[in-house]
Each structure stands twice: as structure tokens, then as C-alpha cells.
Amino acid sequence: LLSLGGLPPLAGFFGKLYLFWCGWQAGLYFLVSIGLLTSVLSIYYYLKIIKLLMTGRNQEITPYVRNYRRSPLRSNNSIELSMTVCVIASTIPGISMNPILAIAQDTLF
């Protein structure tokens, strides 16, 4: 989610950076400013979702959810593991973006 919002050093940041940079160079200042505004708004909502996922607190709990018995087969460890794998998979391309860009530039130009 944070990569979709465009936070560094995640991979989505570099995609948005190059997109906004090309738009700025093309003189599309209004579109770039709208894109930046929507990125900030999306980060706000993504952080709300992450907070809800991590704390598990929801103020609108239905009776069905309140009376639900946790399955013994489900564990929070699997959720934590999958989130860790996703964070690592999103961070590695962001950190090692220069070699990827060099390959892409050699291919295209």
C-alpha cells in the first residue's frame, strides 16, 4: 500500500517520481500538481487501512463479527510473514533502481 502511495524507497516512489518529472518538463504543471495532491490523499487513506490492519480495531463492529470465534488454524504469524515478504519485495526494487534504469535506458535509447 505504501508503494502505491509513492513513499521512498519503495518501488512506487520511483515510478511516480519519473512520471511527475516528465510531466513537469513537458509543462503540464497543473496535472503534476493534481497528481501530487492525489498521491498525498492516497497515502493518508492507505495509512488508515494499515493502522486498522495492524491494530485490529474497528469502531463499527457488527454482532456477527463480535460473536465470531477465532479459528485455531489461523495465526497472526502468517499475516506478519506475508506482510514482511511484501515489504521486502517492494523495497528491493526501490533500493536497486539504478541498475534497472541503466538496463532500460540501454535498451530503449
PDB file of N, CA and C in Angstrom:
ATOM      1  N   LEU A   1       0.816  -1.198   0.000  1.00  0.00           N
ATOM      2  CA  LEU A   1       0.000   0.000   0.000  1.00  0.00           C
ATOM      3  C   LEU A   1       0.861   1.263   0.000  1.00  0.00           C
ATOM      4  N   LEU A   2       1.935   1.231   0.760  1.00  0.00           N
ATOM      5  CA  LEU A   2       2.796   2.412   0.798  1.00  0.00           C
ATOM      6  C   LEU A   2       3.500   2.630  -0.535  1.00  0.00           C
ATOM      7  N   SER A   3       3.774   1.541  -1.235  1.00  0.00           N
ATOM      8  CA  SER A   3       4.380   1.683  -2.555  1.00  0.00           C
ATOM      9  C   SER A   3       3.401   2.327  -3.533  1.00  0.00           C
ATOM     10  N   LEU A   4       2.124   1.979  -3.419  1.00  0.00           N
ATOM     11  CA  LEU A   4       1.118   2.619  -4.264  1.00  0.00           C
ATOM     12  C   LEU A   4       1.017   4.107  -3.976  1.00  0.00           C
ATOM     13  N   GLY A   5       1.221   4.470  -2.707  1.00  0.00           N
ATOM     14  CA  GLY A   5       1.187   5.875  -2.339  1.00  0.00           C
ATOM     15  C   GLY A   5       2.390   6.643  -2.839  1.00  0.00           C
ATOM     16  N   GLY A   6       3.480   5.955  -3.082  1.00  0.00           N
ATOM     17  CA  GLY A   6       4.676   6.606  -3.613  1.00  0.00           C
ATOM     18  C   GLY A   6       5.649   7.062  -2.548  1.00  0.00           C
ATOM     19  N   LEU A   7       5.767   6.300  -1.463  1.00  0.00           N
ATOM     20  CA  LEU A   7       6.724   6.661  -0.419  1.00  0.00           C
ATOM     21  C   LEU A   7       8.093   6.064  -0.727  1.00  0.00           C
ATOM     22  N   PRO A   8       9.161   6.858  -0.584  1.00  0.00           N
ATOM     23  CA  PRO A   8      10.505   6.319  -0.807  1.00  0.00           C
ATOM     24  C   PRO A   8      10.905   5.416   0.339  1.00  0.00           C
ATOM     25  N   PRO A   9      11.750   4.436   0.188  1.00  0.00           N
ATOM     26  CA  PRO A   9      12.459   3.973  -1.001  1.00  0.00           C
ATOM     27  C   PRO A   9      11.720   2.869  -1.729  1.00  0.00           C
ATOM     28  N   LEU A  10      10.418   2.811  -1.618  1.00  0.00           N
ATOM     29  CA  LEU A  10       9.653   1.749  -2.258  1.00  0.00           C
ATOM     30  C   LEU A  10       9.579   1.978  -3.768  1.00  0.00           C
ATOM     31  N   ALA A  11       9.279   0.920  -4.493  1.00  0.00           N
ATOM     32  CA  ALA A  11       9.337   0.964  -5.957  1.00  0.00           C
ATOM     33  C   ALA A  11       8.335   1.947  -6.553  1.00  0.00           C
ATOM     34  N   GLY A  12       7.185   2.116  -5.940  1.00  0.00           N
ATOM     35  CA  GLY A  12       6.184   3.038  -6.470  1.00  0.00           C
ATOM     36  C   GLY A  12       6.630   4.482  -6.454  1.00  0.00           C
ATOM     37  N   PHE A  13       7.534   4.825  -5.548  1.00  0.00           N
ATOM     38  CA  PHE A  13       8.042   6.197  -5.474  1.00  0.00           C
ATOM     39  C   PHE A  13       8.771   6.572  -6.755  1.00  0.00           C
ATOM     40  N   PHE A  14       9.607   5.682  -7.243  1.00  0.00           N
ATOM     41  CA  PHE A  14      10.401   5.998  -8.426  1.00  0.00           C
ATOM     42  C   PHE A  14       9.529   6.086  -9.673  1.00  0.00           C
ATOM     43  N   GLY A  15       8.495   5.264  -9.738  1.00  0.00           N
ATOM     44  CA  GLY A  15       7.566   5.368 -10.860  1.00  0.00           C
ATOM     45  C   GLY A  15       6.862   6.710 -10.880  1.00  0.00           C
ATOM     46  N   LYS A  16       6.387   7.136  -9.715  1.00  0.00           N
ATOM     47  CA  LYS A  16       5.719   8.437  -9.639  1.00  0.00           C
ATOM     48  C   LYS A  16       6.707   9.579  -9.839  1.00  0.00           C
ATOM     49  N   LEU A  17       7.915   9.423  -9.336  1.00  0.00           N
ATOM     50  CA  LEU A  17       8.915  10.471  -9.498  1.00  0.00           C
ATOM     51  C   LEU A  17       9.197  10.731 -10.975  1.00  0.00           C
ATOM     52  N   TYR A  18       9.436   9.675 -11.738  1.00  0.00           N
ATOM     53  CA  TYR A  18       9.731   9.841 -13.157  1.00  0.00           C
ATOM     54  C   TYR A  18       8.508  10.331 -13.928  1.00  0.00           C
ATOM     55  N   LEU A  19       7.337   9.880 -13.550  1.00  0.00           N
ATOM     56  CA  LEU A  19       6.121  10.342 -14.205  1.00  0.00           C
ATOM     57  C   LEU A  19       5.905  11.835 -13.972  1.00  0.00           C
ATOM     58  N   PHE A  20       6.048  12.272 -12.716  1.00  0.00           N
ATOM     59  CA  PHE A  20       5.871  13.689 -12.402  1.00  0.00           C
ATOM     60  C   PHE A  20       6.992  14.532 -13.007  1.00  0.00           C
ATOM     61  N   TRP A  21       8.196  13.997 -13.047  1.00  0.00           N
ATOM     62  CA  TRP A  21       9.321  14.743 -13.623  1.00  0.00           C
ATOM     63  C   TRP A  21       9.104  14.978 -15.120  1.00  0.00           C
ATOM     64  N   CYS A  22       8.659  13.955 -15.825  1.00  0.00           N
ATOM     65  CA  CYS A  22       8.400  14.114 -17.261  1.00  0.00           C
ATOM     66  C   CYS A  22       7.238  15.071 -17.497  1.00  0.00           C
ATOM     67  N   GLY A  23       6.224  15.001 -16.661  1.00  0.00           N
ATOM     68  CA  GLY A  23       5.107  15.934 -16.781  1.00  0.00           C
ATOM     69  C   GLY A  23       5.538  17.365 -16.532  1.00  0.00           C
ATOM     70  N   TRP A  24       6.421  17.560 -15.551  1.00  0.00           N
ATOM     71  CA  TRP A  24       6.922  18.902 -15.235  1.00  0.00           C
ATOM     72  C   TRP A  24       7.748  19.457 -16.398  1.00  0.00           C
ATOM     73  N   GLN A  25       8.604  18.604 -16.960  1.00  0.00           N
ATOM     74  CA  GLN A  25       9.427  19.043 -18.090  1.00  0.00           C
ATOM     75  C   GLN A  25       8.583  19.351 -19.325  1.00  0.00           C
ATOM     76  N   ALA A  26       7.439  18.677 -19.449  1.00  0.00           N
ATOM     77  CA  ALA A  26       6.559  18.922 -20.595  1.00  0.00           C
ATOM     78  C   ALA A  26       5.681  20.149 -20.385  1.00  0.00           C
ATOM     79  N   GLY A  27       5.764  20.747 -19.202  1.00  0.00           N
ATOM     80  CA  GLY A  27       4.981  21.949 -18.938  1.00  0.00           C
ATOM     81  C   GLY A  27       3.576  21.681 -18.442  1.00  0.00           C
ATOM     82  N   LEU A  28       3.308  20.475 -18.014  1.00  0.00           N
ATOM     83  CA  LEU A  28       1.978  20.115 -17.518  1.00  0.00           C
ATOM     84  C   LEU A  28       1.916  20.316 -16.001  1.00  0.00           C
ATOM     85  N   TYR A  29       2.111  21.544 -15.582  1.00  0.00           N
ATOM     86  CA  TYR A  29       2.219  21.861 -14.160  1.00  0.00           C
ATOM     87  C   TYR A  29       0.922  21.576 -13.408  1.00  0.00           C
ATOM     88  N   PHE A  30      -0.202  21.865 -14.030  1.00  0.00           N
ATOM     89  CA  PHE A  30      -1.482  21.635 -13.365  1.00  0.00           C
ATOM     90  C   PHE A  30      -1.709  20.145 -13.125  1.00  0.00           C
ATOM     91  N   LEU A  31      -1.417  19.319 -14.127  1.00  0.00           N
ATOM     92  CA  LEU A  31      -1.605  17.876 -13.967  1.00  0.00           C
ATOM     93  C   LEU A  31      -0.645  17.292 -12.934  1.00  0.00           C
ATOM     94  N   VAL A  32       0.578  17.785 -12.902  1.00  0.00           N
ATOM     95  CA  VAL A  32       1.543  17.308 -11.911  1.00  0.00           C
ATOM     96  C   VAL A  32       1.082  17.682 -10.512  1.00  0.00           C
ATOM     97  N   SER A  33       0.566  18.894 -10.339  1.00  0.00           N
ATOM     98  CA  SER A  33       0.095  19.298  -9.010  1.00  0.00           C
ATOM     99  C   SER A  33      -1.122  18.484  -8.590  1.00  0.00           C
ATOM    100  N   ILE A  34      -2.016  18.169  -9.522  1.00  0.00           N
ATOM    101  CA  ILE A  34      -3.159  17.302  -9.206  1.00  0.00           C
ATOM    102  C   ILE A  34      -2.657  15.905  -8.833  1.00  0.00           C
ATOM    103  N   GLY A  35      -1.679  15.403  -9.548  1.00  0.00           N
ATOM    104  CA  GLY A  35      -1.111  14.093  -9.228  1.00  0.00           C
ATOM    105  C   GLY A  35      -0.464  14.061  -7.859  1.00  0.00           C
ATOM    106  N   LEU A  36       0.259  15.111  -7.514  1.00  0.00           N
ATOM    107  CA  LEU A  36       0.873  15.178  -6.183  1.00  0.00           C
ATOM    108  C   LEU A  36      -0.185  15.243  -5.091  1.00  0.00           C
ATOM    109  N   LEU A  37      -1.235  16.015  -5.322  1.00  0.00           N
ATOM    110  CA  LEU A  37      -2.314  16.119  -4.340  1.00  0.00           C
ATOM    111  C   LEU A  37      -3.004  14.777  -4.135  1.00  0.00           C
ATOM    112  N   THR A  38      -3.291  14.073  -5.222  1.00  0.00           N
ATOM    113  CA  THR A  38      -3.939  12.774  -5.080  1.00  0.00           C
ATOM    114  C   THR A  38      -3.006  11.745  -4.452  1.00  0.00           C
ATOM    115  N   SER A  39      -1.718  11.862  -4.668  1.00  0.00           N
ATOM    116  CA  SER A  39      -0.766  10.955  -4.013  1.00  0.00           C
ATOM    117  C   SER A  39      -0.762  11.165  -2.504  1.00  0.00           C
ATOM    118  N   VAL A  40      -0.785  12.423  -2.082  1.00  0.00           N
ATOM    119  CA  VAL A  40      -0.820  12.715  -0.644  1.00  0.00           C
ATOM    120  C   VAL A  40      -2.119  12.205  -0.037  1.00  0.00           C
ATOM    121  N   LEU A  41      -3.238  12.412  -0.730  1.00  0.00           N
ATOM    122  CA  LEU A  41      -4.517  11.908  -0.231  1.00  0.00           C
ATOM    123  C   LEU A  41      -4.522  10.385  -0.143  1.00  0.00           C
ATOM    124  N   SER A  42      -3.969   9.729  -1.150  1.00  0.00           N
ATOM    125  CA  SER A  42      -3.955   8.268  -1.126  1.00  0.00           C
ATOM    126  C   SER A  42      -3.078   7.742  -0.002  1.00  0.00           C
ATOM    127  N   ILE A  43      -1.958   8.404   0.286  1.00  0.00           N
ATOM    128  CA  ILE A  43      -1.106   7.977   1.400  1.00  0.00           C
ATOM    129  C   ILE A  43      -1.872   8.077   2.710  1.00  0.00           C
ATOM    130  N   TYR A  44      -2.650   9.139   2.882  1.00  0.00           N
ATOM    131  CA  TYR A  44      -3.452   9.300   4.096  1.00  0.00           C
ATOM    132  C   TYR A  44      -4.412   8.122   4.265  1.00  0.00           C
ATOM    133  N   TYR A  45      -5.128   7.765   3.212  1.00  0.00           N
ATOM    134  CA  TYR A  45      -6.084   6.672   3.318  1.00  0.00           C
ATOM    135  C   TYR A  45      -5.388   5.317   3.430  1.00  0.00           C
ATOM    136  N   TYR A  46      -4.257   5.140   2.774  1.00  0.00           N
ATOM    137  CA  TYR A  46      -3.516   3.891   2.912  1.00  0.00           C
ATOM    138  C   TYR A  46      -3.016   3.710   4.341  1.00  0.00           C
ATOM    139  N   LEU A  47      -2.576   4.795   4.974  1.00  0.00           N
ATOM    140  CA  LEU A  47      -2.120   4.698   6.365  1.00  0.00           C
ATOM    141  C   LEU A  47      -3.271   4.350   7.298  1.00  0.00           C
ATOM    142  N   LYS A  48      -4.471   4.836   7.001  1.00  0.00           N
ATOM    143  CA  LYS A  48      -5.633   4.461   7.809  1.00  0.00           C
ATOM    144  C   LYS A  48      -5.910   2.964   7.689  1.00  0.00           C
ATOM    145  N   ILE A  49      -5.790   2.429   6.470  1.00  0.00           N
ATOM    146  CA  ILE A  49      -6.014   0.997   6.269  1.00  0.00           C
ATOM    147  C   ILE A  49      -4.948   0.184   6.987  1.00  0.00           C
ATOM    148  N   ILE A  50      -3.695   0.613   6.898  1.00  0.00           N
ATOM    149  CA  ILE A  50      -2.608  -0.108   7.566  1.00  0.00           C
ATOM    150  C   ILE A  50      -2.791  -0.068   9.076  1.00  0.00           C
ATOM    151  N   LYS A  51      -3.200   1.070   9.608  1.00  0.00           N
ATOM    152  CA  LYS A  51      -3.449   1.178  11.047  1.00  0.00           C
ATOM    153  C   LYS A  51      -4.548   0.214  11.470  1.00  0.00           C
ATOM    154  N   LEU A  52      -5.613   0.138  10.689  1.00  0.00           N
ATOM    155  CA  LEU A  52      -6.702  -0.779  11.001  1.00  0.00           C
ATOM    156  C   LEU A  52      -6.233  -2.229  10.923  1.00  0.00           C
ATOM    157  N   LEU A  53      -5.404  -2.542   9.933  1.00  0.00           N
ATOM    158  CA  LEU A  53      -4.895  -3.907   9.806  1.00  0.00           C
ATOM    159  C   LEU A  53      -3.975  -4.284  10.958  1.00  0.00           C
ATOM    160  N   MET A  54      -3.152  -3.351  11.394  1.00  0.00           N
ATOM    161  CA  MET A  54      -2.175  -3.660  12.435  1.00  0.00           C
ATOM    162  C   MET A  54      -2.788  -3.670  13.833  1.00  0.00           C
ATOM    163  N   THR A  55      -3.702  -2.758  14.106  1.00  0.00           N
ATOM    164  CA  THR A  55      -4.287  -2.702  15.447  1.00  0.00           C
ATOM    165  C   THR A  55      -5.478  -3.625  15.582  1.00  0.00           C
ATOM    166  N   GLY A  56      -6.167  -3.886  14.491  1.00  0.00           N
ATOM    167  CA  GLY A  56      -7.325  -4.762  14.551  1.00  0.00           C
ATOM    168  C   GLY A  56      -8.540  -4.097  15.164  1.00  0.00           C
ATOM    169  N   ARG A  57      -8.491  -2.805  15.363  1.00  0.00           N
ATOM    170  CA  ARG A  57      -9.610  -2.097  15.972  1.00  0.00           C
ATOM    171  C   ARG A  57     -10.476  -1.471  14.885  1.00  0.00           C
ATOM    172  N   ASN A  58     -11.744  -1.771  14.979  1.00  0.00           N
ATOM    173  CA  ASN A  58     -12.715  -1.158  14.086  1.00  0.00           C
ATOM    174  C   ASN A  58     -13.863  -0.663  14.941  1.00  0.00           C
ATOM    175  N   GLN A  59     -14.262   0.561  14.763  1.00  0.00           N
ATOM    176  CA  GLN A  59     -15.295   1.114  15.617  1.00  0.00           C
ATOM    177  C   GLN A  59     -16.682   0.651  15.216  1.00  0.00           C
ATOM    178  N   GLU A  60     -16.852   0.150  14.022  1.00  0.00           N
ATOM    179  CA  GLU A  60     -18.146  -0.333  13.564  1.00  0.00           C
ATOM    180  C   GLU A  60     -18.134  -1.855  13.531  1.00  0.00           C
ATOM    181  N   ILE A  61     -18.265  -2.476  14.681  1.00  0.00           N
ATOM    182  CA  ILE A  61     -18.227  -3.929  14.778  1.00  0.00           C
ATOM    183  C   ILE A  61     -19.659  -4.450  14.785  1.00  0.00           C
ATOM    184  N   THR A  62     -19.960  -5.322  13.838  1.00  0.00           N
ATOM    185  CA  THR A  62     -21.293  -5.907  13.771  1.00  0.00           C
ATOM    186  C   THR A  62     -21.408  -7.032  14.786  1.00  0.00           C
ATOM    187  N   PRO A  63     -22.623  -7.409  15.173  1.00  0.00           N
ATOM    188  CA  PRO A  63     -22.780  -8.516  16.134  1.00  0.00           C
ATOM    189  C   PRO A  63     -22.180  -9.824  15.628  1.00  0.00           C
ATOM    190  N   TYR A  64     -22.248 -10.051  14.316  1.00  0.00           N
ATOM    191  CA  TYR A  64     -21.669 -11.273  13.774  1.00  0.00           C
ATOM    192  C   TYR A  64     -20.163 -11.313  14.013  1.00  0.00           C
ATOM    193  N   VAL A  65     -19.506 -10.210  13.782  1.00  0.00           N
ATOM    194  CA  VAL A  65     -18.060 -10.147  13.990  1.00  0.00           C
ATOM    195  C   VAL A  65     -17.738 -10.234  15.475  1.00  0.00           C
ATOM    196  N   ARG A  66     -18.535  -9.597  16.319  1.00  0.00           N
ATOM    197  CA  ARG A  66     -18.281  -9.609  17.755  1.00  0.00           C
ATOM    198  C   ARG A  66     -18.387 -11.033  18.323  1.00  0.00           C
ATOM    199  N   ASN A  67     -19.310 -11.846  17.789  1.00  0.00           N
ATOM    200  CA  ASN A  67     -19.522 -13.201  18.304  1.00  0.00           C
ATOM    201  C   ASN A  67     -18.716 -14.255  17.559  1.00  0.00           C
ATOM    202  N   TYR A  68     -17.891 -13.854  16.626  1.00  0.00           N
ATOM    203  CA  TYR A  68     -17.101 -14.796  15.844  1.00  0.00           C
ATOM    204  C   TYR A  68     -15.997 -15.402  16.702  1.00  0.00           C
ATOM    205  N   ARG A  69     -15.877 -16.700  16.618  1.00  0.00           N
ATOM    206  CA  ARG A  69     -14.794 -17.382  17.345  1.00  0.00           C
ATOM    207  C   ARG A  69     -13.623 -17.555  16.396  1.00  0.00           C
ATOM    208  N   ARG A  70     -12.480 -17.190  16.885  1.00  0.00           N
ATOM    209  CA  ARG A  70     -11.272 -17.268  16.054  1.00  0.00           C
ATOM    210  C   ARG A  70     -10.944 -18.727  15.755  1.00  0.00           C
ATOM    211  N   SER A  71     -10.683 -18.980  14.504  1.00  0.00           N
ATOM    212  CA  SER A  71     -10.341 -20.322  14.073  1.00  0.00           C
ATOM    213  C   SER A  71      -8.963 -20.697  14.615  1.00  0.00           C
ATOM    214  N   PRO A  72      -8.811 -21.925  15.136  1.00  0.00           N
ATOM    215  CA  PRO A  72      -7.493 -22.324  15.641  1.00  0.00           C
ATOM    216  C   PRO A  72      -6.465 -22.496  14.529  1.00  0.00           C
ATOM    217  N   LEU A  73      -6.920 -22.581  13.285  1.00  0.00           N
ATOM    218  CA  LEU A  73      -5.987 -22.757  12.183  1.00  0.00           C
ATOM    219  C   LEU A  73      -5.362 -21.444  11.735  1.00  0.00           C
ATOM    220  N   ARG A  74      -6.000 -20.331  12.081  1.00  0.00           N
ATOM    221  CA  ARG A  74      -5.456 -19.026  11.684  1.00  0.00           C
ATOM    222  C   ARG A  74      -4.500 -18.513  12.722  1.00  0.00           C
ATOM    223  N   SER A  75      -3.453 -17.933  12.243  1.00  0.00           N
ATOM    224  CA  SER A  75      -2.435 -17.390  13.124  1.00  0.00           C
ATOM    225  C   SER A  75      -2.023 -16.023  12.619  1.00  0.00           C
ATOM    226  N   ASN A  76      -1.667 -15.135  13.523  1.00  0.00           N
ATOM    227  CA  ASN A  76      -1.174 -13.827  13.120  1.00  0.00           C
ATOM    228  C   ASN A  76       0.233 -13.917  12.544  1.00  0.00           C
ATOM    229  N   ASN A  77       0.927 -15.021  12.827  1.00  0.00           N
ATOM    230  CA  ASN A  77       2.283 -15.174  12.305  1.00  0.00           C
ATOM    231  C   ASN A  77       2.289 -15.231  10.779  1.00  0.00           C
ATOM    232  N   SER A  78       1.294 -15.876  10.198  1.00  0.00           N
ATOM    233  CA  SER A  78       1.250 -15.953   8.736  1.00  0.00           C
ATOM    234  C   SER A  78       0.981 -14.579   8.128  1.00  0.00           C
ATOM    235  N   ILE A  79       0.164 -13.779   8.788  1.00  0.00           N
ATOM    236  CA  ILE A  79      -0.100 -12.427   8.296  1.00  0.00           C
ATOM    237  C   ILE A  79       1.165 -11.586   8.393  1.00  0.00           C
ATOM    238  N   GLU A  80       1.855 -11.688   9.516  1.00  0.00           N
ATOM    239  CA  GLU A  80       3.088 -10.924   9.688  1.00  0.00           C
ATOM    240  C   GLU A  80       4.143 -11.358   8.678  1.00  0.00           C
ATOM    241  N   LEU A  81       4.231 -12.648   8.421  1.00  0.00           N
ATOM    242  CA  LEU A  81       5.195 -13.148   7.445  1.00  0.00           C
ATOM    243  C   LEU A  81       4.876 -12.635   6.044  1.00  0.00           C
ATOM    244  N   SER A  82       3.612 -12.700   5.658  1.00  0.00           N
ATOM    245  CA  SER A  82       3.249 -12.235   4.316  1.00  0.00           C
ATOM    246  C   SER A  82       3.462 -10.734   4.172  1.00  0.00           C
ATOM    247  N   MET A  83       3.196  -9.967   5.221  1.00  0.00           N
ATOM    248  CA  MET A  83       3.434  -8.520   5.158  1.00  0.00           C
ATOM    249  C   MET A  83       4.925  -8.221   5.065  1.00  0.00           C
ATOM    250  N   THR A  84       5.744  -8.986   5.780  1.00  0.00           N
ATOM    251  CA  THR A  84       7.191  -8.792   5.721  1.00  0.00           C
ATOM    252  C   THR A  84       7.720  -9.101   4.326  1.00  0.00           C
ATOM    253  N   VAL A  85       7.237 -10.174   3.727  1.00  0.00           N
ATOM    254  CA  VAL A  85       7.658 -10.535   2.373  1.00  0.00           C
ATOM    255  C   VAL A  85       7.256  -9.441   1.382  1.00  0.00           C
ATOM    256  N   CYS A  86       6.050  -8.899   1.525  1.00  0.00           N
ATOM    257  CA  CYS A  86       5.597  -7.831   0.623  1.00  0.00           C
ATOM    258  C   CYS A  86       6.424  -6.563   0.786  1.00  0.00           C
ATOM    259  N   VAL A  87       6.781  -6.219   2.020  1.00  0.00           N
ATOM    260  CA  VAL A  87       7.599  -5.027   2.249  1.00  0.00           C
ATOM    261  C   VAL A  87       8.979  -5.208   1.630  1.00  0.00           C
ATOM    262  N   ILE A  88       9.569  -6.374   1.821  1.00  0.00           N
ATOM    263  CA  ILE A  88      10.894  -6.633   1.250  1.00  0.00           C
ATOM    264  C   ILE A  88      10.826  -6.636  -0.276  1.00  0.00           C
ATOM    265  N   ALA A  89       9.791  -7.270  -0.833  1.00  0.00           N
ATOM    266  CA  ALA A  89       9.657  -7.329  -2.290  1.00  0.00           C
ATOM    267  C   ALA A  89       9.422  -5.953  -2.897  1.00  0.00           C
ATOM    268  N   SER A  90       8.843  -5.052  -2.144  1.00  0.00           N
ATOM    269  CA  SER A  90       8.613  -3.701  -2.650  1.00  0.00           C
ATOM    270  C   SER A  90       9.810  -2.789  -2.414  1.00  0.00           C
ATOM    271  N   THR A  91      10.597  -3.059  -1.401  1.00  0.00           N
ATOM    272  CA  THR A  91      11.735  -2.205  -1.069  1.00  0.00           C
ATOM    273  C   THR A  91      12.945  -2.504  -1.945  1.00  0.00           C
ATOM    274  N   ILE A  92      13.187  -3.750  -2.265  1.00  0.00           N
ATOM    275  CA  ILE A  92      14.374  -4.127  -3.040  1.00  0.00           C
ATOM    276  C   ILE A  92      14.412  -3.432  -4.407  1.00  0.00           C
ATOM    277  N   PRO A  93      13.325  -3.425  -5.185  1.00  0.00           N
ATOM    278  CA  PRO A  93      13.405  -2.679  -6.454  1.00  0.00           C
ATOM    279  C   PRO A  93      13.613  -1.182  -6.249  1.00  0.00           C
ATOM    280  N   GLY A  94      13.099  -0.640  -5.163  1.00  0.00           N
ATOM    281  CA  GLY A  94      13.291   0.780  -4.902  1.00  0.00           C
ATOM    282  C   GLY A  94      14.728   1.122  -4.587  1.00  0.00           C
ATOM    283  N   ILE A  95      15.400   0.253  -3.867  1.00  0.00           N
ATOM    284  CA  ILE A  95      16.794   0.499  -3.497  1.00  0.00           C
ATOM    285  C   ILE A  95      17.717   0.267  -4.687  1.00  0.00           C
ATOM    286  N   SER A  96      17.441  -0.768  -5.456  1.00  0.00           N
ATOM    287  CA  SER A  96      18.324  -1.109  -6.574  1.00  0.00           C
ATOM    288  C   SER A  96      17.756  -0.626  -7.906  1.00  0.00           C
ATOM    289  N   MET A  97      17.225   0.570  -7.937  1.00  0.00           N
ATOM    290  CA  MET A  97      16.587   1.086  -9.144  1.00  0.00           C
ATOM    291  C   MET A  97      17.601   1.514 -10.209  1.00  0.00           C
ATOM    292  N   ASN A  98      18.779   1.987  -9.833  1.00  0.00           N
ATOM    293  CA  ASN A  98      19.752   2.476 -10.817  1.00  0.00           C
ATOM    294  C   ASN A  98      20.180   1.417 -11.828  1.00  0.00           C
ATOM    295  N   PRO A  99      20.526   0.190 -11.413  1.00  0.00           N
ATOM    296  CA  PRO A  99      20.877  -0.811 -12.433  1.00  0.00           C
ATOM    297  C   PRO A  99      19.706  -1.152 -13.354  1.00  0.00           C
ATOM    298  N   ILE A 100      18.509  -1.169 -12.803  1.00  0.00           N
ATOM    299  CA  ILE A 100      17.334  -1.468 -13.630  1.00  0.00           C
ATOM    300  C   ILE A 100      17.116  -0.358 -14.649  1.00  0.00           C
ATOM    301  N   LEU A 101      17.263   0.892 -14.222  1.00  0.00           N
ATOM    302  CA  LEU A 101      17.101   2.019 -15.143  1.00  0.00           C
ATOM    303  C   LEU A 101      18.200   2.044 -16.201  1.00  0.00           C
ATOM    304  N   ALA A 102      19.414   1.675 -15.818  1.00  0.00           N
ATOM    305  CA  ALA A 102      20.509   1.636 -16.791  1.00  0.00           C
ATOM    306  C   ALA A 102      20.224   0.605 -17.879  1.00  0.00           C
ATOM    307  N   ILE A 103      19.718  -0.543 -17.487  1.00  0.00           N
ATOM    308  CA  ILE A 103      19.365  -1.577 -18.468  1.00  0.00           C
ATOM    309  C   ILE A 103      18.241  -1.083 -19.370  1.00  0.00           C
ATOM    310  N   ALA A 104      17.234  -0.436 -18.774  1.00  0.00           N
ATOM    311  CA  ALA A 104      16.109   0.066 -19.568  1.00  0.00           C
ATOM    312  C   ALA A 104      16.550   1.164 -20.528  1.00  0.00           C
ATOM    313  N   GLN A 105      17.436   2.053 -20.088  1.00  0.00           N
ATOM    314  CA  GLN A 105      17.901   3.125 -20.966  1.00  0.00           C
ATOM    315  C   GLN A 105      18.768   2.581 -22.101  1.00  0.00           C
ATOM    316  N   ASP A 106      19.588   1.577 -21.802  1.00  0.00           N
ATOM    317  CA  ASP A 106      20.393   0.968 -22.859  1.00  0.00           C
ATOM    318  C   ASP A 106      19.506   0.270 -23.886  1.00  0.00           C
ATOM    319  N   THR A 107      18.410  -0.293 -23.415  1.00  0.00           N
ATOM    320  CA  THR A 107      17.501  -0.994 -24.309  1.00  0.00           C
ATOM    321  C   THR A 107      16.712  -0.025 -25.182  1.00  0.00           C
ATOM    322  N   LEU A 108      16.249   1.063 -24.581  1.00  0.00           N
ATOM    323  CA  LEU A 108      15.368   1.981 -25.305  1.00  0.00           C
ATOM    324  C   LEU A 108      16.108   3.027 -26.111  1.00  0.00           C
ATOM    325  N   PHE A 109      17.238   3.486 -25.638  1.00  0.00           N
ATOM    326  CA  PHE A 109      17.907   4.610 -26.292  1.00  0.00           C
ATOM    327  C   PHE A 109      19.180   4.142 -26.910  1.00  0.00           C
TER     328      PHE A 109
END
